Amino acid sequence: MDNPAPERHLKARRARRVRAFSLLELVATLAIIALLAATGIATFGTTSVQNLAAEGFSRKLALDLLQARRRTIATGANHYLQLTVVASKTTAYTMYRRAGGGDVVVDKTQSVPDGVTVTASHTTLEFDFEGAALAAYSIAVAGPQRSWTVTTTPITGAVHVQ
């Protein structure tokens, strides 16, 4: 009768080979990834970066309009975004709160990124104590190849990005 115990004992003694990447393989892989990334950036260039900046700016603008609306409802004091226009070009905007002794800056000024063009129907985008927009605001944000429009609904103050 064969004894299976010695075979198990031999198998237990064999060292298992650990599979892993060598340092050389890891460095080669990272170099290839870096080359692909550099090629991608060169291919897409600054146009894609500026389009992404335009999209981000339009979303930030929409969120700041919502914040102004919510602050107006919470405090009862009108809040608004004031667009800074230099030579017929919108360069930045700042959020303010209406106050008896003069308007107060609520948030830091947000600059328009390079390569992004902003045109607005109004330079003051204000909400009343009920959260309604004082007008139907429309702000067009354009990058080199794409554009977005941020709009408000006057009665509800709802903000949309299209």
C-alpha atoms as a PDB file:
ATOM      1  CA  MET A   1       0.000   0.000   0.000  1.00  0.00           C
ATOM      2  CA  ASP A   2       1.356   3.385  -1.012  1.00  0.00           C
ATOM      3  CA  ASN A   3       1.742   6.088   1.546  1.00  0.00           C
ATOM      4  CA  PRO A   4       0.512   9.502   0.198  1.00  0.00           C
ATOM      5  CA  ALA A   5       2.066  11.409   3.096  1.00  0.00           C
ATOM      6  CA  PRO A   6       5.599  11.660   1.602  1.00  0.00           C
ATOM      7  CA  GLU A   7       4.238  13.221  -1.604  1.00  0.00           C
ATOM      8  CA  ARG A   8       2.428  15.886   0.371  1.00  0.00           C
ATOM      9  CA  HIS A   9       5.600  16.515   2.324  1.00  0.00           C
ATOM     10  CA  LEU A  10       7.580  17.058  -0.905  1.00  0.00           C
ATOM     11  CA  LYS A  11       4.986  19.424  -2.290  1.00  0.00           C
ATOM     12  CA  ALA A  12       5.039  21.456   0.904  1.00  0.00           C
ATOM     13  CA  ARG A  13       8.815  21.890   0.653  1.00  0.00           C
ATOM     14  CA  ARG A  14       8.759  23.306  -2.861  1.00  0.00           C
ATOM     15  CA  ALA A  15       8.982  27.035  -2.736  1.00  0.00           C
ATOM     16  CA  ARG A  16       6.291  28.794  -4.635  1.00  0.00           C
ATOM     17  CA  ARG A  17       7.560  31.212  -7.184  1.00  0.00           C
ATOM     18  CA  VAL A  18       6.255  34.709  -6.529  1.00  0.00           C
ATOM     19  CA  ARG A  19       5.188  36.515  -9.672  1.00  0.00           C
ATOM     20  CA  ALA A  20       5.857  40.249  -9.712  1.00  0.00           C
ATOM     21  CA  PHE A  21       7.042  43.037 -11.971  1.00  0.00           C
ATOM     22  CA  SER A  22      10.706  43.856 -12.030  1.00  0.00           C
ATOM     23  CA  LEU A  23      11.826  47.445 -11.645  1.00  0.00           C
ATOM     24  CA  LEU A  24      12.848  47.509 -15.301  1.00  0.00           C
ATOM     25  CA  GLU A  25       9.383  46.396 -16.455  1.00  0.00           C
ATOM     26  CA  LEU A  26       7.731  48.989 -14.229  1.00  0.00           C
ATOM     27  CA  VAL A  27       9.943  51.823 -15.530  1.00  0.00           C
ATOM     28  CA  ALA A  28       9.355  50.761 -19.145  1.00  0.00           C
ATOM     29  CA  THR A  29       5.578  50.721 -18.594  1.00  0.00           C
ATOM     30  CA  LEU A  30       5.627  54.183 -17.007  1.00  0.00           C
ATOM     31  CA  ALA A  31       7.752  55.524 -19.885  1.00  0.00           C
ATOM     32  CA  ILE A  32       5.256  54.209 -22.439  1.00  0.00           C
ATOM     33  CA  ILE A  33       2.347  55.759 -20.521  1.00  0.00           C
ATOM     34  CA  ALA A  34       4.198  59.100 -20.354  1.00  0.00           C
ATOM     35  CA  LEU A  35       4.816  59.019 -24.120  1.00  0.00           C
ATOM     36  CA  LEU A  36       1.149  58.284 -24.801  1.00  0.00           C
ATOM     37  CA  ALA A  37       0.077  61.125 -22.486  1.00  0.00           C
ATOM     38  CA  ALA A  38       2.461  63.576 -24.162  1.00  0.00           C
ATOM     39  CA  THR A  39       1.177  62.526 -27.579  1.00  0.00           C
ATOM     40  CA  GLY A  40      -2.424  62.956 -26.420  1.00  0.00           C
ATOM     41  CA  ILE A  41      -1.775  66.441 -25.081  1.00  0.00           C
ATOM     42  CA  ALA A  42      -0.007  67.439 -28.289  1.00  0.00           C
ATOM     43  CA  THR A  43      -2.831  65.999 -30.380  1.00  0.00           C
ATOM     44  CA  PHE A  44      -5.650  67.684 -28.503  1.00  0.00           C
ATOM     45  CA  GLY A  45      -3.651  70.811 -27.733  1.00  0.00           C
ATOM     46  CA  THR A  46      -4.857  73.864 -25.921  1.00  0.00           C
ATOM     47  CA  THR A  47      -8.229  73.826 -27.672  1.00  0.00           C
ATOM     48  CA  SER A  48      -9.461  70.903 -25.602  1.00  0.00           C
ATOM     49  CA  VAL A  49      -8.128  72.446 -22.417  1.00  0.00           C
ATOM     50  CA  GLN A  50      -9.898  75.720 -23.216  1.00  0.00           C
ATOM     51  CA  ASN A  51     -13.137  73.856 -24.009  1.00  0.00           C
ATOM     52  CA  LEU A  52     -12.899  72.095 -20.643  1.00  0.00           C
ATOM     53  CA  ALA A  53     -12.242  75.454 -18.970  1.00  0.00           C
ATOM     54  CA  ALA A  54     -15.334  76.908 -20.659  1.00  0.00           C
ATOM     55  CA  GLU A  55     -17.488  74.001 -19.500  1.00  0.00           C
ATOM     56  CA  GLY A  56     -16.147  74.281 -15.959  1.00  0.00           C
ATOM     57  CA  PHE A  57     -16.713  78.035 -15.922  1.00  0.00           C
ATOM     58  CA  SER A  58     -20.316  77.687 -17.127  1.00  0.00           C
ATOM     59  CA  ARG A  59     -21.042  75.132 -14.403  1.00  0.00           C
ATOM     60  CA  LYS A  60     -19.352  77.308 -11.744  1.00  0.00           C
ATOM     61  CA  LEU A  61     -21.394  80.305 -12.903  1.00  0.00           C
ATOM     62  CA  ALA A  62     -24.616  78.273 -12.679  1.00  0.00           C
ATOM     63  CA  LEU A  63     -23.713  77.076  -9.181  1.00  0.00           C
ATOM     64  CA  ASP A  64     -22.939  80.636  -8.069  1.00  0.00           C
ATOM     65  CA  LEU A  65     -26.301  81.803  -9.423  1.00  0.00           C
ATOM     66  CA  LEU A  66     -27.972  79.047  -7.397  1.00  0.00           C
ATOM     67  CA  GLN A  67     -25.977  80.081  -4.346  1.00  0.00           C
ATOM     68  CA  ALA A  68     -27.035  83.727  -4.770  1.00  0.00           C
ATOM     69  CA  ARG A  69     -30.664  82.605  -5.050  1.00  0.00           C
ATOM     70  CA  ARG A  70     -30.436  80.405  -1.948  1.00  0.00           C
ATOM     71  CA  ARG A  71     -28.699  83.116   0.083  1.00  0.00           C
ATOM     72  CA  THR A  72     -31.434  85.553  -0.932  1.00  0.00           C
ATOM     73  CA  ILE A  73     -34.143  83.164   0.268  1.00  0.00           C
ATOM     74  CA  ALA A  74     -32.259  82.391   3.503  1.00  0.00           C
ATOM     75  CA  THR A  75     -31.465  85.988   4.461  1.00  0.00           C
ATOM     76  CA  GLY A  76     -34.281  87.949   2.815  1.00  0.00           C
ATOM     77  CA  ALA A  77     -31.685  90.342   1.354  1.00  0.00           C
ATOM     78  CA  ASN A  78     -31.260  90.399  -2.420  1.00  0.00           C
ATOM     79  CA  HIS A  79     -28.047  88.784  -3.667  1.00  0.00           C
ATOM     80  CA  TYR A  80     -26.650  89.234  -7.149  1.00  0.00           C
ATOM     81  CA  LEU A  81     -23.720  88.500  -9.409  1.00  0.00           C
ATOM     82  CA  GLN A  82     -22.084  91.570 -10.907  1.00  0.00           C
ATOM     83  CA  LEU A  83     -20.274  90.895 -14.179  1.00  0.00           C
ATOM     84  CA  THR A  84     -17.125  92.912 -14.814  1.00  0.00           C
ATOM     85  CA  VAL A  85     -17.015  94.088 -18.428  1.00  0.00           C
ATOM     86  CA  VAL A  86     -13.843  95.583 -19.895  1.00  0.00           C
ATOM     87  CA  ALA A  87     -13.847  96.736 -23.531  1.00  0.00           C
ATOM     88  CA  SER A  88     -17.098  94.856 -24.280  1.00  0.00           C
ATOM     89  CA  LYS A  89     -15.602  91.653 -22.867  1.00  0.00           C
ATOM     90  CA  THR A  90     -16.725  89.977 -19.633  1.00  0.00           C
ATOM     91  CA  THR A  91     -13.599  89.312 -17.571  1.00  0.00           C
ATOM     92  CA  ALA A  92     -14.943  88.301 -14.139  1.00  0.00           C
ATOM     93  CA  TYR A  93     -17.905  88.290 -11.776  1.00  0.00           C
ATOM     94  CA  THR A  94     -18.430  88.864  -8.050  1.00  0.00           C
ATOM     95  CA  MET A  95     -21.314  87.958  -5.737  1.00  0.00           C
ATOM     96  CA  TYR A  96     -22.826  90.799  -3.670  1.00  0.00           C
ATOM     97  CA  ARG A  97     -25.552  91.235  -1.040  1.00  0.00           C
ATOM     98  CA  ARG A  98     -27.714  94.343  -1.089  1.00  0.00           C
ATOM     99  CA  ALA A  99     -27.377  96.281   2.159  1.00  0.00           C
ATOM    100  CA  GLY A 100     -28.629  99.657   3.386  1.00  0.00           C
ATOM    101  CA  GLY A 101     -25.150 101.133   3.843  1.00  0.00           C
ATOM    102  CA  GLY A 102     -23.854  99.815   0.516  1.00  0.00           C
ATOM    103  CA  ASP A 103     -23.589  96.457  -1.149  1.00  0.00           C
ATOM    104  CA  VAL A 104     -21.369  93.850   0.501  1.00  0.00           C
ATOM    105  CA  VAL A 105     -19.080  91.393  -1.299  1.00  0.00           C
ATOM    106  CA  VAL A 106     -20.153  87.860  -0.367  1.00  0.00           C
ATOM    107  CA  ASP A 107     -17.662  85.720  -2.285  1.00  0.00           C
ATOM    108  CA  LYS A 108     -14.333  86.207  -4.027  1.00  0.00           C
ATOM    109  CA  THR A 109     -14.187  87.391  -7.613  1.00  0.00           C
ATOM    110  CA  GLN A 110     -14.209  84.622 -10.226  1.00  0.00           C
ATOM    111  CA  SER A 111     -12.147  85.335 -13.348  1.00  0.00           C
ATOM    112  CA  VAL A 112     -13.009  84.132 -16.827  1.00  0.00           C
ATOM    113  CA  PRO A 113     -10.358  81.597 -17.945  1.00  0.00           C
ATOM    114  CA  ASP A 114      -8.081  82.335 -20.910  1.00  0.00           C
ATOM    115  CA  GLY A 115      -9.557  81.291 -24.239  1.00  0.00           C
ATOM    116  CA  VAL A 116     -13.128  81.523 -22.914  1.00  0.00           C
ATOM    117  CA  THR A 117     -15.592  84.151 -24.148  1.00  0.00           C
ATOM    118  CA  VAL A 118     -18.568  85.212 -22.019  1.00  0.00           C
ATOM    119  CA  THR A 119     -21.477  87.312 -23.254  1.00  0.00           C
ATOM    120  CA  ALA A 120     -24.456  88.118 -21.054  1.00  0.00           C
ATOM    121  CA  SER A 121     -27.883  89.645 -21.495  1.00  0.00           C
ATOM    122  CA  HIS A 122     -27.410  91.672 -18.284  1.00  0.00           C
ATOM    123  CA  THR A 123     -24.397  92.718 -16.201  1.00  0.00           C
ATOM    124  CA  THR A 124     -26.295  92.369 -12.909  1.00  0.00           C
ATOM    125  CA  LEU A 125     -27.898  88.974 -12.231  1.00  0.00           C
ATOM    126  CA  GLU A 126     -30.134  89.486  -9.183  1.00  0.00           C
ATOM    127  CA  PHE A 127     -32.684  87.468  -7.183  1.00  0.00           C
ATOM    128  CA  ASP A 128     -35.451  88.786  -4.912  1.00  0.00           C
ATOM    129  CA  PHE A 129     -36.408  87.574  -1.424  1.00  0.00           C
ATOM    130  CA  GLU A 130     -38.631  84.819  -2.849  1.00  0.00           C
ATOM    131  CA  GLY A 131     -35.822  83.460  -5.018  1.00  0.00           C
ATOM    132  CA  ALA A 132     -37.202  84.791  -8.294  1.00  0.00           C
ATOM    133  CA  ALA A 133     -34.798  86.238 -10.842  1.00  0.00           C
ATOM    134  CA  LEU A 134     -35.456  89.911 -11.573  1.00  0.00           C
ATOM    135  CA  ALA A 135     -35.170  89.167 -15.320  1.00  0.00           C
ATOM    136  CA  ALA A 136     -34.674  86.290 -17.747  1.00  0.00           C
ATOM    137  CA  TYR A 137     -30.892  86.111 -17.675  1.00  0.00           C
ATOM    138  CA  SER A 138     -28.921  84.432 -20.433  1.00  0.00           C
ATOM    139  CA  ILE A 139     -25.146  84.023 -20.314  1.00  0.00           C
ATOM    140  CA  ALA A 140     -23.311  82.421 -23.243  1.00  0.00           C
ATOM    141  CA  VAL A 141     -19.972  80.801 -22.387  1.00  0.00           C
ATOM    142  CA  ALA A 142     -17.878  79.762 -25.392  1.00  0.00           C
ATOM    143  CA  GLY A 143     -14.641  77.878 -25.802  1.00  0.00           C
ATOM    144  CA  PRO A 144     -12.838  77.495 -29.133  1.00  0.00           C
ATOM    145  CA  GLN A 145     -15.067  74.632 -30.331  1.00  0.00           C
ATOM    146  CA  ARG A 146     -18.011  74.351 -27.914  1.00  0.00           C
ATOM    147  CA  SER A 147     -20.410  76.664 -26.132  1.00  0.00           C
ATOM    148  CA  TRP A 148     -22.824  76.537 -23.206  1.00  0.00           C
ATOM    149  CA  THR A 149     -25.697  78.802 -22.239  1.00  0.00           C
ATOM    150  CA  VAL A 150     -26.653  79.473 -18.628  1.00  0.00           C
ATOM    151  CA  THR A 151     -30.236  80.706 -18.310  1.00  0.00           C
ATOM    152  CA  THR A 152     -32.594  81.619 -15.488  1.00  0.00           C
ATOM    153  CA  THR A 153     -36.364  81.410 -15.355  1.00  0.00           C
ATOM    154  CA  PRO A 154     -37.662  84.723 -13.964  1.00  0.00           C
ATOM    155  CA  ILE A 155     -40.622  83.501 -11.882  1.00  0.00           C
ATOM    156  CA  THR A 156     -38.915  80.541 -10.206  1.00  0.00           C
ATOM    157  CA  GLY A 157     -35.281  81.625 -10.382  1.00  0.00           C
ATOM    158  CA  ALA A 158     -34.376  78.174 -11.712  1.00  0.00           C
ATOM    159  CA  VAL A 159     -30.936  77.995 -13.329  1.00  0.00           C
ATOM    160  CA  HIS A 160     -30.234  75.814 -16.374  1.00  0.00           C
ATOM    161  CA  VAL A 161     -27.056  74.965 -18.297  1.00  0.00           C
ATOM    162  CA  GLN A 162     -27.538  73.956 -21.929  1.00  0.00           C
END
